[in-house]
């Protein structure tokens, strides 16, 4: 199964759906979906509602392996079921969509122009559980705010340190050092980031594979060397606060990079839409992101 998923991620046509909003970002995701905070009480109801939204997306006829290569899940989603199966199992068995698990615990306070990941004390347990559910890989996010040489080096070093632990557990890490699209030093930060990523990629062994999830760059095809690197299964792009139309337009100019959108994927979806309206809106969203990912 791993080899099947690896081949799909390397060679498949499509994109990755980011369905991994955590506790901090769930209220905003629900609000955009048309569910106000006054409509639920407490975390349990909140997570029930977000699981309902994710299940509605995943079970839609518009959502399938024909255009969606993979999906990133929040741990609580992996622990729940969709149509009587574990969420990860349902994705692969019923939709031919490769499942990933978000493993980070959020961000530290900003220092040296970056926000490192908080410690992940239960990582080994998460990885063991993910393997049991047939998950292919993981995702972990940190954020670069400024072009600080030491800060960027720390971000990338931390990502690869944790990434090696994930590789050792038999999974493929998605390394996500996001560059804030509002950074006044975005282009300069991207130069530092690309150079640091290449150094760490070059240090990996032949059987040590990663994926990269990066902010859409200021210069088109800026990450072409990363796309071609033999240790990189795939380079995917986050929407980072751009609208779907903006993100798609920039993505289409970056050849070999595919989307891994979250908010841009669910843009326009509403809890109050009929099934027909919901499916049609999702279908149009998926098609536009798919088209942009084929460049």
C-alpha atoms as a PDB file:
ATOM      1  CA  UNK A   1       0.000   0.000   0.000  1.00  0.00           C
ATOM      2  CA  UNK A   2       2.873   2.389   0.798  1.00  0.00           C
ATOM      3  CA  UNK A   3       4.368   1.881  -2.659  1.00  0.00           C
ATOM      4  CA  UNK A   4       0.983   2.467  -4.285  1.00  0.00           C
ATOM      5  CA  UNK A   5       0.558   5.693  -2.356  1.00  0.00           C
ATOM      6  CA  UNK A   6       4.130   6.799  -3.083  1.00  0.00           C
ATOM      7  CA  UNK A   7       3.651   6.268  -6.816  1.00  0.00           C
ATOM      8  CA  UNK A   8       0.374   8.178  -6.669  1.00  0.00           C
ATOM      9  CA  UNK A   9       1.950  11.107  -4.843  1.00  0.00           C
ATOM     10  CA  UNK A  10       4.962  11.221  -7.144  1.00  0.00           C
ATOM     11  CA  UNK A  11       3.252  10.821 -10.481  1.00  0.00           C
ATOM     12  CA  UNK A  12      -0.455  11.528  -9.989  1.00  0.00           C
ATOM     13  CA  UNK A  13      -2.343  14.467 -11.466  1.00  0.00           C
ATOM     14  CA  UNK A  14      -4.212  16.572  -8.942  1.00  0.00           C
ATOM     15  CA  UNK A  15      -3.706  18.304  -5.601  1.00  0.00           C
ATOM     16  CA  UNK A  16      -3.856  17.790  -1.832  1.00  0.00           C
ATOM     17  CA  UNK A  17      -6.867  18.941   0.174  1.00  0.00           C
ATOM     18  CA  UNK A  18      -5.893  20.441   3.545  1.00  0.00           C
ATOM     19  CA  UNK A  19      -8.707  19.461   5.904  1.00  0.00           C
ATOM     20  CA  UNK A  20      -6.680  19.792   9.085  1.00  0.00           C
ATOM     21  CA  UNK A  21      -7.992  22.866  10.906  1.00  0.00           C
ATOM     22  CA  UNK A  22      -7.122  22.478  14.596  1.00  0.00           C
ATOM     23  CA  UNK A  23      -8.774  23.825  17.745  1.00  0.00           C
ATOM     24  CA  UNK A  24      -7.462  27.326  17.207  1.00  0.00           C
ATOM     25  CA  UNK A  25      -8.558  27.665  13.580  1.00  0.00           C
ATOM     26  CA  UNK A  26     -11.821  25.686  13.744  1.00  0.00           C
ATOM     27  CA  UNK A  27     -14.123  28.578  14.834  1.00  0.00           C
ATOM     28  CA  UNK A  28     -12.962  30.642  11.835  1.00  0.00           C
ATOM     29  CA  UNK A  29     -13.416  27.682   9.478  1.00  0.00           C
ATOM     30  CA  UNK A  30     -16.935  27.115  10.795  1.00  0.00           C
ATOM     31  CA  UNK A  31     -17.759  30.813  10.533  1.00  0.00           C
ATOM     32  CA  UNK A  32     -16.708  30.814   6.869  1.00  0.00           C
ATOM     33  CA  UNK A  33     -18.921  27.736   6.464  1.00  0.00           C
ATOM     34  CA  UNK A  34     -21.865  29.751   7.830  1.00  0.00           C
ATOM     35  CA  UNK A  35     -21.881  28.387  11.395  1.00  0.00           C
ATOM     36  CA  UNK A  36     -21.548  31.115  14.030  1.00  0.00           C
ATOM     37  CA  UNK A  37     -20.051  30.534  17.482  1.00  0.00           C
ATOM     38  CA  UNK A  38     -23.475  31.200  19.011  1.00  0.00           C
ATOM     39  CA  UNK A  39     -24.736  28.020  17.327  1.00  0.00           C
ATOM     40  CA  UNK A  40     -22.634  25.639  19.429  1.00  0.00           C
ATOM     41  CA  UNK A  41     -21.390  25.310  22.971  1.00  0.00           C
ATOM     42  CA  UNK A  42     -17.991  23.933  23.922  1.00  0.00           C
ATOM     43  CA  UNK A  43     -15.274  22.067  22.066  1.00  0.00           C
ATOM     44  CA  UNK A  44     -17.211  18.824  21.719  1.00  0.00           C
ATOM     45  CA  UNK A  45     -20.014  20.403  19.713  1.00  0.00           C
ATOM     46  CA  UNK A  46     -17.499  22.493  17.753  1.00  0.00           C
ATOM     47  CA  UNK A  47     -15.526  19.426  16.694  1.00  0.00           C
ATOM     48  CA  UNK A  48     -18.720  17.531  15.867  1.00  0.00           C
ATOM     49  CA  UNK A  49     -19.673  20.359  13.497  1.00  0.00           C
ATOM     50  CA  UNK A  50     -16.266  20.575  11.827  1.00  0.00           C
ATOM     51  CA  UNK A  51     -16.210  16.788  11.394  1.00  0.00           C
ATOM     52  CA  UNK A  52     -19.620  17.082   9.766  1.00  0.00           C
ATOM     53  CA  UNK A  53     -18.229  19.691   7.366  1.00  0.00           C
ATOM     54  CA  UNK A  54     -15.178  17.593   6.528  1.00  0.00           C
ATOM     55  CA  UNK A  55     -17.292  14.461   6.069  1.00  0.00           C
ATOM     56  CA  UNK A  56     -19.622  16.364   3.752  1.00  0.00           C
ATOM     57  CA  UNK A  57     -16.654  17.435   1.623  1.00  0.00           C
ATOM     58  CA  UNK A  58     -15.022  13.993   1.558  1.00  0.00           C
ATOM     59  CA  UNK A  59     -18.210  12.055   0.784  1.00  0.00           C
ATOM     60  CA  UNK A  60     -19.290  14.460  -1.961  1.00  0.00           C
ATOM     61  CA  UNK A  61     -19.201  12.906  -5.453  1.00  0.00           C
ATOM     62  CA  UNK A  62     -17.067  15.908  -6.447  1.00  0.00           C
ATOM     63  CA  UNK A  63     -14.294  14.743  -4.106  1.00  0.00           C
ATOM     64  CA  UNK A  64     -12.416  11.733  -5.465  1.00  0.00           C
ATOM     65  CA  UNK A  65      -9.005  10.488  -6.493  1.00  0.00           C
ATOM     66  CA  UNK A  66      -9.644  11.599 -10.063  1.00  0.00           C
ATOM     67  CA  UNK A  67      -8.633  15.141  -9.061  1.00  0.00           C
ATOM     68  CA  UNK A  68      -7.679  14.981  -5.371  1.00  0.00           C
ATOM     69  CA  UNK A  69      -4.420  13.102  -4.752  1.00  0.00           C
ATOM     70  CA  UNK A  70      -4.324  13.403  -0.979  1.00  0.00           C
ATOM     71  CA  UNK A  71      -5.985  14.891   2.086  1.00  0.00           C
ATOM     72  CA  UNK A  72      -4.424  16.172   5.323  1.00  0.00           C
ATOM     73  CA  UNK A  73      -6.419  15.272   8.434  1.00  0.00           C
ATOM     74  CA  UNK A  74      -6.514  16.649  11.970  1.00  0.00           C
ATOM     75  CA  UNK A  75      -5.840  13.886  14.532  1.00  0.00           C
ATOM     76  CA  UNK A  76      -9.402  14.015  15.832  1.00  0.00           C
ATOM     77  CA  UNK A  77     -10.661  13.478  12.278  1.00  0.00           C
ATOM     78  CA  UNK A  78      -8.422  10.427  11.872  1.00  0.00           C
ATOM     79  CA  UNK A  79      -9.846   9.071  15.131  1.00  0.00           C
ATOM     80  CA  UNK A  80     -13.436   9.421  13.866  1.00  0.00           C
ATOM     81  CA  UNK A  81     -15.386   7.568  11.211  1.00  0.00           C
ATOM     82  CA  UNK A  82     -16.862   8.465   7.847  1.00  0.00           C
ATOM     83  CA  UNK A  83     -19.684   6.217   6.652  1.00  0.00           C
ATOM     84  CA  UNK A  84     -18.732   3.508   9.144  1.00  0.00           C
ATOM     85  CA  UNK A  85     -14.996   3.436   8.384  1.00  0.00           C
ATOM     86  CA  UNK A  86     -12.028   5.223   9.914  1.00  0.00           C
ATOM     87  CA  UNK A  87     -11.589   8.538   8.098  1.00  0.00           C
ATOM     88  CA  UNK A  88      -8.139   7.648   6.724  1.00  0.00           C
ATOM     89  CA  UNK A  89      -9.288   4.190   5.657  1.00  0.00           C
ATOM     90  CA  UNK A  90     -12.343   5.677   3.937  1.00  0.00           C
ATOM     91  CA  UNK A  91     -10.196   8.167   2.017  1.00  0.00           C
ATOM     92  CA  UNK A  92      -7.934   5.496   0.544  1.00  0.00           C
ATOM     93  CA  UNK A  93     -10.323   2.561   0.178  1.00  0.00           C
ATOM     94  CA  UNK A  94     -13.367   4.425  -1.089  1.00  0.00           C
ATOM     95  CA  UNK A  95     -11.895   7.511  -2.751  1.00  0.00           C
ATOM     96  CA  UNK A  96      -8.305   6.521  -3.665  1.00  0.00           C
ATOM     97  CA  UNK A  97      -7.151   9.671  -1.856  1.00  0.00           C
ATOM     98  CA  UNK A  98      -3.859   9.374   0.076  1.00  0.00           C
ATOM     99  CA  UNK A  99      -4.277  10.257   3.783  1.00  0.00           C
ATOM    100  CA  UNK A 100      -1.879  12.491   5.747  1.00  0.00           C
ATOM    101  CA  UNK A 101      -1.956  13.493   9.424  1.00  0.00           C
ATOM    102  CA  UNK A 102      -1.223  16.925  10.898  1.00  0.00           C
ATOM    103  CA  UNK A 103       1.120  16.264  13.841  1.00  0.00           C
ATOM    104  CA  UNK A 104       2.285  19.675  15.074  1.00  0.00           C
ATOM    105  CA  UNK A 105       0.935  21.286  18.247  1.00  0.00           C
ATOM    106  CA  UNK A 106       0.946  24.889  17.064  1.00  0.00           C
ATOM    107  CA  UNK A 107       3.512  27.674  17.141  1.00  0.00           C
ATOM    108  CA  UNK A 108       5.876  29.201  19.653  1.00  0.00           C
ATOM    109  CA  UNK A 109       5.998  32.983  20.137  1.00  0.00           C
ATOM    110  CA  UNK A 110       7.941  34.853  17.459  1.00  0.00           C
ATOM    111  CA  UNK A 111      11.714  35.081  17.943  1.00  0.00           C
ATOM    112  CA  UNK A 112      14.412  35.934  15.381  1.00  0.00           C
ATOM    113  CA  UNK A 113      11.707  36.654  12.824  1.00  0.00           C
ATOM    114  CA  UNK A 114      10.187  33.173  12.956  1.00  0.00           C
ATOM    115  CA  UNK A 115       7.728  31.036  14.885  1.00  0.00           C
ATOM    116  CA  UNK A 116       9.082  27.574  15.605  1.00  0.00           C
ATOM    117  CA  UNK A 117       6.843  24.597  16.305  1.00  0.00           C
ATOM    118  CA  UNK A 118       5.916  23.852  19.874  1.00  0.00           C
ATOM    119  CA  UNK A 119       7.286  20.546  21.205  1.00  0.00           C
ATOM    120  CA  UNK A 120       5.417  17.409  20.065  1.00  0.00           C
ATOM    121  CA  UNK A 121       5.771  15.136  23.108  1.00  0.00           C
ATOM    122  CA  UNK A 122       3.375  12.466  21.835  1.00  0.00           C
ATOM    123  CA  UNK A 123       4.809  12.264  18.320  1.00  0.00           C
ATOM    124  CA  UNK A 124       5.806   8.593  18.540  1.00  0.00           C
ATOM    125  CA  UNK A 125       2.293   7.695  19.694  1.00  0.00           C
ATOM    126  CA  UNK A 126       0.724   9.734  16.882  1.00  0.00           C
ATOM    127  CA  UNK A 127       2.952   8.058  14.300  1.00  0.00           C
ATOM    128  CA  UNK A 128       2.165   4.572  15.578  1.00  0.00           C
ATOM    129  CA  UNK A 129      -1.544   5.318  15.517  1.00  0.00           C
ATOM    130  CA  UNK A 130      -1.312   6.866  12.041  1.00  0.00           C
ATOM    131  CA  UNK A 131       0.475   3.793  10.700  1.00  0.00           C
ATOM    132  CA  UNK A 132      -2.299   1.640  12.105  1.00  0.00           C
ATOM    133  CA  UNK A 133      -4.841   3.646  10.126  1.00  0.00           C
ATOM    134  CA  UNK A 134      -2.886   3.333   6.880  1.00  0.00           C
ATOM    135  CA  UNK A 135      -1.744   6.957   6.819  1.00  0.00           C
ATOM    136  CA  UNK A 136       1.015   7.685   4.289  1.00  0.00           C
ATOM    137  CA  UNK A 137       2.554  10.835   5.712  1.00  0.00           C
ATOM    138  CA  UNK A 138       2.386  13.749   8.112  1.00  0.00           C
ATOM    139  CA  UNK A 139       2.326  17.542   8.037  1.00  0.00           C
ATOM    140  CA  UNK A 140       3.849  20.083  10.409  1.00  0.00           C
ATOM    141  CA  UNK A 141       3.831  23.870  10.092  1.00  0.00           C
ATOM    142  CA  UNK A 142       6.087  26.661  11.269  1.00  0.00           C
ATOM    143  CA  UNK A 143       6.154  30.286  10.079  1.00  0.00           C
ATOM    144  CA  UNK A 144       8.791  32.682   8.772  1.00  0.00           C
ATOM    145  CA  UNK A 145       8.024  36.382   9.257  1.00  0.00           C
ATOM    146  CA  UNK A 146      11.353  38.016   8.374  1.00  0.00           C
ATOM    147  CA  UNK A 147      14.537  37.284   6.406  1.00  0.00           C
ATOM    148  CA  UNK A 148      16.605  36.492   9.496  1.00  0.00           C
ATOM    149  CA  UNK A 149      19.462  34.107   8.687  1.00  0.00           C
ATOM    150  CA  UNK A 150      19.501  32.489  12.129  1.00  0.00           C
ATOM    151  CA  UNK A 151      15.731  32.301  12.370  1.00  0.00           C
ATOM    152  CA  UNK A 152      15.305  30.603   8.989  1.00  0.00           C
ATOM    153  CA  UNK A 153      18.117  28.167   9.814  1.00  0.00           C
ATOM    154  CA  UNK A 154      16.345  27.292  13.078  1.00  0.00           C
ATOM    155  CA  UNK A 155      13.013  26.761  11.323  1.00  0.00           C
ATOM    156  CA  UNK A 156      14.442  24.415   8.702  1.00  0.00           C
ATOM    157  CA  UNK A 157      16.662  22.608  11.193  1.00  0.00           C
ATOM    158  CA  UNK A 158      13.707  21.894  13.475  1.00  0.00           C
ATOM    159  CA  UNK A 159      11.550  20.724  10.567  1.00  0.00           C
ATOM    160  CA  UNK A 160      14.166  18.228   9.384  1.00  0.00           C
ATOM    161  CA  UNK A 161      14.966  17.022  12.900  1.00  0.00           C
ATOM    162  CA  UNK A 162      11.332  16.079  13.421  1.00  0.00           C
ATOM    163  CA  UNK A 163      11.102  14.920   9.811  1.00  0.00           C
ATOM    164  CA  UNK A 164      13.820  12.319  10.354  1.00  0.00           C
ATOM    165  CA  UNK A 165      11.858  10.928  13.310  1.00  0.00           C
ATOM    166  CA  UNK A 166       8.805  10.620  11.049  1.00  0.00           C
ATOM    167  CA  UNK A 167      10.826   8.950   8.275  1.00  0.00           C
ATOM    168  CA  UNK A 168      12.198   6.460  10.810  1.00  0.00           C
ATOM    169  CA  UNK A 169       8.598   5.523  11.653  1.00  0.00           C
ATOM    170  CA  UNK A 170       7.960   4.632   8.000  1.00  0.00           C
ATOM    171  CA  UNK A 171       5.982   7.753   7.025  1.00  0.00           C
ATOM    172  CA  UNK A 172       6.698  10.630   4.648  1.00  0.00           C
ATOM    173  CA  UNK A 173       6.770  14.064   6.314  1.00  0.00           C
ATOM    174  CA  UNK A 174       5.352  17.148   4.646  1.00  0.00           C
ATOM    175  CA  UNK A 175       7.764  19.857   5.802  1.00  0.00           C
ATOM    176  CA  UNK A 176       5.952  23.203   5.927  1.00  0.00           C
ATOM    177  CA  UNK A 177       8.041  26.286   6.716  1.00  0.00           C
ATOM    178  CA  UNK A 178       5.446  28.854   5.654  1.00  0.00           C
ATOM    179  CA  UNK A 179       6.623  32.331   4.642  1.00  0.00           C
ATOM    180  CA  UNK A 180       4.026  34.895   5.729  1.00  0.00           C
ATOM    181  CA  UNK A 181       2.610  36.483   2.562  1.00  0.00           C
ATOM    182  CA  UNK A 182       2.465  39.833   4.393  1.00  0.00           C
ATOM    183  CA  UNK A 183       6.153  39.783   5.321  1.00  0.00           C
ATOM    184  CA  UNK A 184       7.958  42.997   4.264  1.00  0.00           C
ATOM    185  CA  UNK A 185      10.937  40.735   3.474  1.00  0.00           C
ATOM    186  CA  UNK A 186       9.080  37.893   1.754  1.00  0.00           C
ATOM    187  CA  UNK A 187      11.327  37.542  -1.317  1.00  0.00           C
ATOM    188  CA  UNK A 188      14.537  37.717   0.743  1.00  0.00           C
ATOM    189  CA  UNK A 189      13.160  35.174   3.219  1.00  0.00           C
ATOM    190  CA  UNK A 190      12.402  32.821   0.321  1.00  0.00           C
ATOM    191  CA  UNK A 191      16.035  32.954  -0.817  1.00  0.00           C
ATOM    192  CA  UNK A 192      17.231  32.000   2.680  1.00  0.00           C
ATOM    193  CA  UNK A 193      14.585  29.280   2.912  1.00  0.00           C
ATOM    194  CA  UNK A 194      15.378  27.684  -0.453  1.00  0.00           C
ATOM    195  CA  UNK A 195      19.109  27.586   0.289  1.00  0.00           C
ATOM    196  CA  UNK A 196      18.534  26.058   3.743  1.00  0.00           C
ATOM    197  CA  UNK A 197      16.141  23.459   2.343  1.00  0.00           C
ATOM    198  CA  UNK A 198      18.637  22.386  -0.321  1.00  0.00           C
ATOM    199  CA  UNK A 199      21.378  21.946   2.296  1.00  0.00           C
ATOM    200  CA  UNK A 200      19.170  19.700   4.435  1.00  0.00           C
ATOM    201  CA  UNK A 201      17.794  17.768   1.459  1.00  0.00           C
ATOM    202  CA  UNK A 202      21.330  17.046   0.275  1.00  0.00           C
ATOM    203  CA  UNK A 203      22.091  15.508   3.693  1.00  0.00           C
ATOM    204  CA  UNK A 204      19.282  12.918   3.441  1.00  0.00           C
ATOM    205  CA  UNK A 205      19.965   9.299   2.544  1.00  0.00           C
ATOM    206  CA  UNK A 206      18.662   7.703  -0.648  1.00  0.00           C
ATOM    207  CA  UNK A 207      15.695   6.143   1.124  1.00  0.00           C
ATOM    208  CA  UNK A 208      14.837   9.255   3.153  1.00  0.00           C
ATOM    209  CA  UNK A 209      12.018  11.044   1.328  1.00  0.00           C
ATOM    210  CA  UNK A 210      10.100  14.203   2.181  1.00  0.00           C
ATOM    211  CA  UNK A 211       7.462  16.461   0.713  1.00  0.00           C
ATOM    212  CA  UNK A 212       7.598  20.247   0.932  1.00  0.00           C
ATOM    213  CA  UNK A 213       4.652  22.576   1.523  1.00  0.00           C
ATOM    214  CA  UNK A 214       5.649  26.138   0.719  1.00  0.00           C
ATOM    215  CA  UNK A 215       4.116  29.577   0.343  1.00  0.00           C
ATOM    216  CA  UNK A 216       3.540  30.591  -3.269  1.00  0.00           C
ATOM    217  CA  UNK A 217       6.788  32.416  -4.126  1.00  0.00           C
ATOM    218  CA  UNK A 218       7.314  36.030  -5.196  1.00  0.00           C
ATOM    219  CA  UNK A 219       9.272  34.870  -8.251  1.00  0.00           C
ATOM    220  CA  UNK A 220       7.695  32.346 -10.629  1.00  0.00           C
ATOM    221  CA  UNK A 221       9.345  28.892 -10.648  1.00  0.00           C
ATOM    222  CA  UNK A 222      11.566  29.980  -7.749  1.00  0.00           C
ATOM    223  CA  UNK A 223      11.411  26.484  -6.245  1.00  0.00           C
ATOM    224  CA  UNK A 224      12.201  24.581  -9.458  1.00  0.00           C
ATOM    225  CA  UNK A 225      15.389  23.141  -7.920  1.00  0.00           C
ATOM    226  CA  UNK A 226      13.324  21.715  -5.043  1.00  0.00           C
ATOM    227  CA  UNK A 227      10.762  20.222  -7.438  1.00  0.00           C
ATOM    228  CA  UNK A 228      13.620  18.397  -9.192  1.00  0.00           C
ATOM    229  CA  UNK A 229      15.430  17.242  -6.043  1.00  0.00           C
ATOM    230  CA  UNK A 230      15.629  13.422  -5.830  1.00  0.00           C
ATOM    231  CA  UNK A 231      14.680  13.360  -2.108  1.00  0.00           C
ATOM    232  CA  UNK A 232      11.482  15.360  -2.695  1.00  0.00           C
ATOM    233  CA  UNK A 233       8.357  13.357  -3.515  1.00  0.00           C
ATOM    234  CA  UNK A 234       6.345  16.486  -4.317  1.00  0.00           C
ATOM    235  CA  UNK A 235       6.349  20.234  -3.722  1.00  0.00           C
ATOM    236  CA  UNK A 236       2.923  21.557  -2.770  1.00  0.00           C
ATOM    237  CA  UNK A 237       1.773  25.115  -2.179  1.00  0.00           C
ATOM    238  CA  UNK A 238      -0.384  26.601   0.564  1.00  0.00           C
ATOM    239  CA  UNK A 239      -2.822  29.370  -0.285  1.00  0.00           C
ATOM    240  CA  UNK A 240      -1.560  31.432   2.659  1.00  0.00           C
ATOM    241  CA  UNK A 241      -4.382  33.959   2.773  1.00  0.00           C
ATOM    242  CA  UNK A 242      -4.704  34.555  -0.965  1.00  0.00           C
ATOM    243  CA  UNK A 243      -8.185  34.152  -2.426  1.00  0.00           C
ATOM    244  CA  UNK A 244      -8.700  31.005  -4.471  1.00  0.00           C
ATOM    245  CA  UNK A 245      -8.513  32.939  -7.752  1.00  0.00           C
ATOM    246  CA  UNK A 246      -5.284  34.675  -6.708  1.00  0.00           C
ATOM    247  CA  UNK A 247      -3.738  31.442  -5.426  1.00  0.00           C
ATOM    248  CA  UNK A 248      -4.690  29.539  -8.572  1.00  0.00           C
ATOM    249  CA  UNK A 249      -3.244  32.238 -10.830  1.00  0.00           C
ATOM    250  CA  UNK A 250       0.117  32.246  -9.016  1.00  0.00           C
ATOM    251  CA  UNK A 251       0.190  28.449  -8.737  1.00  0.00           C
ATOM    252  CA  UNK A 252      -0.332  28.015 -12.484  1.00  0.00           C
ATOM    253  CA  UNK A 253       2.884  29.982 -13.072  1.00  0.00           C
ATOM    254  CA  UNK A 254       4.931  27.648 -10.841  1.00  0.00           C
ATOM    255  CA  UNK A 255       5.513  24.525 -12.903  1.00  0.00           C
ATOM    256  CA  UNK A 256       5.641  21.176 -11.127  1.00  0.00           C
ATOM    257  CA  UNK A 257       4.111  22.581  -7.920  1.00  0.00           C
ATOM    258  CA  UNK A 258       0.618  21.431  -6.936  1.00  0.00           C
ATOM    259  CA  UNK A 259      -1.881  22.916  -4.510  1.00  0.00           C
ATOM    260  CA  UNK A 260      -2.465  21.998  -0.896  1.00  0.00           C
ATOM    261  CA  UNK A 261      -5.207  24.488  -0.134  1.00  0.00           C
ATOM    262  CA  UNK A 262      -7.431  24.728   2.930  1.00  0.00           C
ATOM    263  CA  UNK A 263      -9.499  27.897   3.080  1.00  0.00           C
ATOM    264  CA  UNK A 264      -9.213  28.371  -0.695  1.00  0.00           C
ATOM    265  CA  UNK A 265     -10.679  24.877  -1.199  1.00  0.00           C
ATOM    266  CA  UNK A 266     -13.719  25.437   1.028  1.00  0.00           C
ATOM    267  CA  UNK A 267     -14.329  29.011  -0.167  1.00  0.00           C
ATOM    268  CA  UNK A 268     -18.022  29.406  -1.053  1.00  0.00           C
ATOM    269  CA  UNK A 269     -19.231  26.291   0.783  1.00  0.00           C
ATOM    270  CA  UNK A 270     -22.037  26.768   3.284  1.00  0.00           C
ATOM    271  CA  UNK A 271     -23.806  24.616   5.839  1.00  0.00           C
ATOM    272  CA  UNK A 272     -27.072  26.023   4.504  1.00  0.00           C
ATOM    273  CA  UNK A 273     -26.572  24.903   0.905  1.00  0.00           C
ATOM    274  CA  UNK A 274     -28.617  22.034  -0.463  1.00  0.00           C
ATOM    275  CA  UNK A 275     -26.644  18.918  -1.396  1.00  0.00           C
ATOM    276  CA  UNK A 276     -26.919  19.884  -5.060  1.00  0.00           C
ATOM    277  CA  UNK A 277     -25.667  23.437  -4.408  1.00  0.00           C
ATOM    278  CA  UNK A 278     -22.880  22.198  -2.128  1.00  0.00           C
ATOM    279  CA  UNK A 279     -21.662  19.568  -4.589  1.00  0.00           C
ATOM    280  CA  UNK A 280     -21.746  22.014  -7.505  1.00  0.00           C
ATOM    281  CA  UNK A 281     -19.782  24.648  -5.557  1.00  0.00           C
ATOM    282  CA  UNK A 282     -17.228  22.084  -4.400  1.00  0.00           C
ATOM    283  CA  UNK A 283     -16.925  20.642  -7.908  1.00  0.00           C
ATOM    284  CA  UNK A 284     -16.129  24.068  -9.365  1.00  0.00           C
ATOM    285  CA  UNK A 285     -13.591  24.741  -6.605  1.00  0.00           C
ATOM    286  CA  UNK A 286     -11.867  21.379  -7.077  1.00  0.00           C
ATOM    287  CA  UNK A 287     -11.762  21.779 -10.862  1.00  0.00           C
ATOM    288  CA  UNK A 288     -10.172  25.228 -10.682  1.00  0.00           C
ATOM    289  CA  UNK A 289      -7.505  24.077  -8.205  1.00  0.00           C
ATOM    290  CA  UNK A 290      -6.906  20.893 -10.229  1.00  0.00           C
ATOM    291  CA  UNK A 291      -6.411  22.910 -13.417  1.00  0.00           C
ATOM    292  CA  UNK A 292      -3.952  25.261 -11.727  1.00  0.00           C
ATOM    293  CA  UNK A 293      -2.026  22.270 -10.355  1.00  0.00           C
ATOM    294  CA  UNK A 294      -1.460  20.789 -13.827  1.00  0.00           C
ATOM    295  CA  UNK A 295       0.850  23.587 -14.981  1.00  0.00           C
END
